[in-house]
Amino acid sequence: MAARTKARKRAFQILFEADQRGAAPRTVMADWIRLARTDDRQPPVTEYTMRLVEGYEDHAARVDELIATYAVGWTMDRMPAVDRNVLRLGAYELLWEDDIPDAVVLDEAVQLVKEFSTDESPSFVNGLLARLKELKPTLRTQ
């Protein structure tokens, strides 16, 4: 598995745990970093994982607003927690990480929900992120 793929998976896991615990993503990430120092079984938190988690948290209000706006028929609370957090990660990376091709962001998000969510999730996540990709030039100016 490629390094950035692993980093995204770790970032997703941190966002998911933060969502479930009602904690700040940076707090959960700090817990993971502390645990990785003492437990060899704990996966490392790489620089790119930190960049994704911190980037999402810095833009969380806007990311969640965009997801809620463009997820037709779905509220944030009604979405499966996996989908919600993969969308958060994907939307952040799509809109604020310019060095990653958009197609890679969409593909990686779909792969995460294929692994961790429902059979309907890949098409839902792909459709919503594709819509954000289409609107990206206008969304970034707001």
Protein backbone atom coordinates (compact mmCIF):
# COMPACT_ATOMS: atom_id res chain seq x y z
CA MET A 1 0.00 0.00 0.00
CA ALA A 2 1.38 3.41 -0.97
CA ALA A 3 2.49 5.79 1.78
CA ARG A 4 -0.16 8.42 1.06
CA THR A 5 -2.87 5.76 0.92
CA LYS A 6 -1.83 4.61 4.40
CA ALA A 7 -1.70 8.21 5.59
CA ARG A 8 -5.25 8.84 4.33
CA LYS A 9 -6.50 5.68 6.01
CA ARG A 10 -4.94 6.80 9.33
CA ALA A 11 -6.40 10.29 8.92
CA PHE A 12 -9.83 8.77 8.27
CA GLN A 13 -9.51 6.56 11.35
CA ILE A 14 -8.56 9.57 13.48
CA LEU A 15 -11.48 11.64 12.14
CA PHE A 16 -13.85 8.72 12.69
CA GLU A 17 -12.67 8.21 16.26
CA ALA A 18 -12.92 11.94 16.98
CA ASP A 19 -16.47 11.95 15.60
CA GLN A 20 -17.47 8.96 17.73
CA ARG A 21 -15.85 10.36 20.89
CA GLY A 22 -17.06 13.92 20.34
CA ALA A 23 -13.43 15.00 20.59
CA ALA A 24 -11.30 17.35 18.54
CA PRO A 25 -9.38 15.55 15.78
CA ARG A 26 -6.07 17.02 16.97
CA THR A 27 -6.71 15.58 20.45
CA VAL A 28 -7.32 12.11 19.05
CA MET A 29 -4.28 12.43 16.81
CA ALA A 30 -2.13 13.37 19.82
CA ASP A 31 -3.41 10.24 21.58
CA TRP A 32 -2.42 8.13 18.55
CA ILE A 33 1.04 9.70 18.45
CA ARG A 34 1.60 9.02 22.18
CA LEU A 35 0.42 5.43 21.80
CA ALA A 36 2.64 4.83 18.76
CA ARG A 37 5.69 5.77 20.84
CA THR A 38 5.02 2.98 23.32
CA ASP A 39 3.20 0.32 21.29
CA ASP A 40 4.81 -1.15 18.17
CA ARG A 41 1.41 -2.44 17.02
CA GLN A 42 0.02 1.10 16.79
CA PRO A 43 0.36 2.40 13.22
CA PRO A 44 2.50 5.52 12.89
CA VAL A 45 1.03 8.95 12.37
CA THR A 46 2.95 10.32 9.42
CA GLU A 47 3.50 13.92 8.43
CA TYR A 48 0.85 13.62 5.69
CA THR A 49 -1.67 12.16 8.15
CA MET A 50 -1.05 15.15 10.42
CA ARG A 51 -1.43 17.53 7.48
CA LEU A 52 -4.80 16.00 6.57
CA VAL A 53 -6.19 15.93 10.11
CA GLU A 54 -5.02 19.45 10.92
CA GLY A 55 -6.18 20.74 7.54
CA TYR A 56 -9.64 19.28 7.99
CA GLU A 57 -9.91 20.68 11.52
CA ASP A 58 -8.81 24.13 10.30
CA HIS A 59 -11.55 24.10 7.65
CA ALA A 60 -14.11 21.88 9.44
CA ALA A 61 -16.97 24.37 9.46
CA ARG A 62 -16.67 25.06 5.72
CA VAL A 63 -16.15 21.39 4.81
CA ASP A 64 -19.19 20.29 6.82
CA GLU A 65 -21.26 23.14 5.37
CA LEU A 66 -20.38 22.04 1.83
CA ILE A 67 -21.15 18.40 2.53
CA ALA A 68 -24.49 19.30 4.11
CA THR A 69 -25.37 21.62 1.23
CA TYR A 70 -24.60 19.17 -1.58
CA ALA A 71 -25.65 15.88 0.02
CA VAL A 72 -29.13 15.97 -1.43
CA GLY A 73 -31.59 14.22 0.83
CA TRP A 74 -29.04 13.48 3.54
CA THR A 75 -28.30 15.39 6.71
CA MET A 76 -24.88 15.04 8.30
CA ASP A 77 -26.43 13.19 11.26
CA ARG A 78 -28.25 10.74 9.01
CA MET A 79 -25.15 9.74 7.03
CA PRO A 80 -23.29 6.64 8.13
CA ALA A 81 -20.37 7.82 10.29
CA VAL A 82 -17.85 6.20 7.94
CA ASP A 83 -19.26 8.03 4.92
CA ARG A 84 -19.42 11.35 6.79
CA ASN A 85 -15.77 11.16 7.80
CA VAL A 86 -14.50 9.91 4.44
CA LEU A 87 -16.38 12.81 2.86
CA ARG A 88 -14.80 15.23 5.31
CA LEU A 89 -11.34 13.96 4.45
CA GLY A 90 -12.04 13.86 0.71
CA ALA A 91 -13.64 17.30 0.58
CA TYR A 92 -10.76 18.85 2.49
CA GLU A 93 -8.16 17.18 0.30
CA LEU A 94 -10.03 18.00 -2.90
CA LEU A 95 -10.43 21.69 -2.11
CA TRP A 96 -7.28 22.57 -0.17
CA GLU A 97 -4.53 20.10 -1.15
CA ASP A 98 -3.53 21.29 -4.61
CA ASP A 99 -0.67 18.83 -5.09
CA ILE A 100 -3.02 15.82 -5.18
CA PRO A 101 -4.87 15.12 -8.44
CA ASP A 102 -8.64 15.28 -8.03
CA ALA A 103 -9.07 11.80 -9.54
CA VAL A 104 -6.77 10.36 -6.87
CA VAL A 105 -8.79 12.01 -4.09
CA LEU A 106 -12.05 10.57 -5.43
CA ASP A 107 -10.56 7.10 -5.99
CA GLU A 108 -9.01 6.95 -2.52
CA ALA A 109 -12.28 8.04 -0.87
CA VAL A 110 -14.23 5.39 -2.77
CA GLN A 111 -11.70 2.74 -1.75
CA LEU A 112 -12.06 3.70 1.92
CA VAL A 113 -15.85 3.37 1.90
CA LYS A 114 -15.61 0.11 -0.04
CA GLU A 115 -13.46 -1.22 2.79
CA PHE A 116 -15.33 0.23 5.76
CA SER A 117 -18.94 1.09 4.80
CA THR A 118 -22.07 -0.11 3.04
CA ASP A 119 -22.56 -1.34 -0.52
CA GLU A 120 -24.33 1.93 -1.42
CA SER A 121 -21.59 4.13 0.01
CA PRO A 122 -19.11 4.12 -2.90
CA SER A 123 -21.59 5.65 -5.35
CA PHE A 124 -22.84 8.17 -2.75
CA VAL A 125 -19.33 9.33 -1.80
CA ASN A 126 -18.13 9.38 -5.41
CA GLY A 127 -21.18 11.37 -6.53
CA LEU A 128 -20.89 13.98 -3.79
CA LEU A 129 -17.14 14.46 -4.19
CA ALA A 130 -17.53 14.62 -7.99
CA ARG A 131 -20.07 17.42 -7.52
CA LEU A 132 -17.66 19.31 -5.27
CA LYS A 133 -14.92 18.76 -7.87
CA GLU A 134 -17.14 20.32 -10.55
CA LEU A 135 -17.85 23.32 -8.33
CA LYS A 136 -14.29 23.61 -7.00
CA PRO A 137 -13.40 26.87 -8.76
CA THR A 138 -16.40 28.66 -7.25
CA LEU A 139 -16.21 26.97 -3.84
CA ARG A 140 -12.64 28.06 -3.28
CA THR A 141 -13.51 31.72 -3.75
CA GLN A 142 -16.17 31.67 -1.03
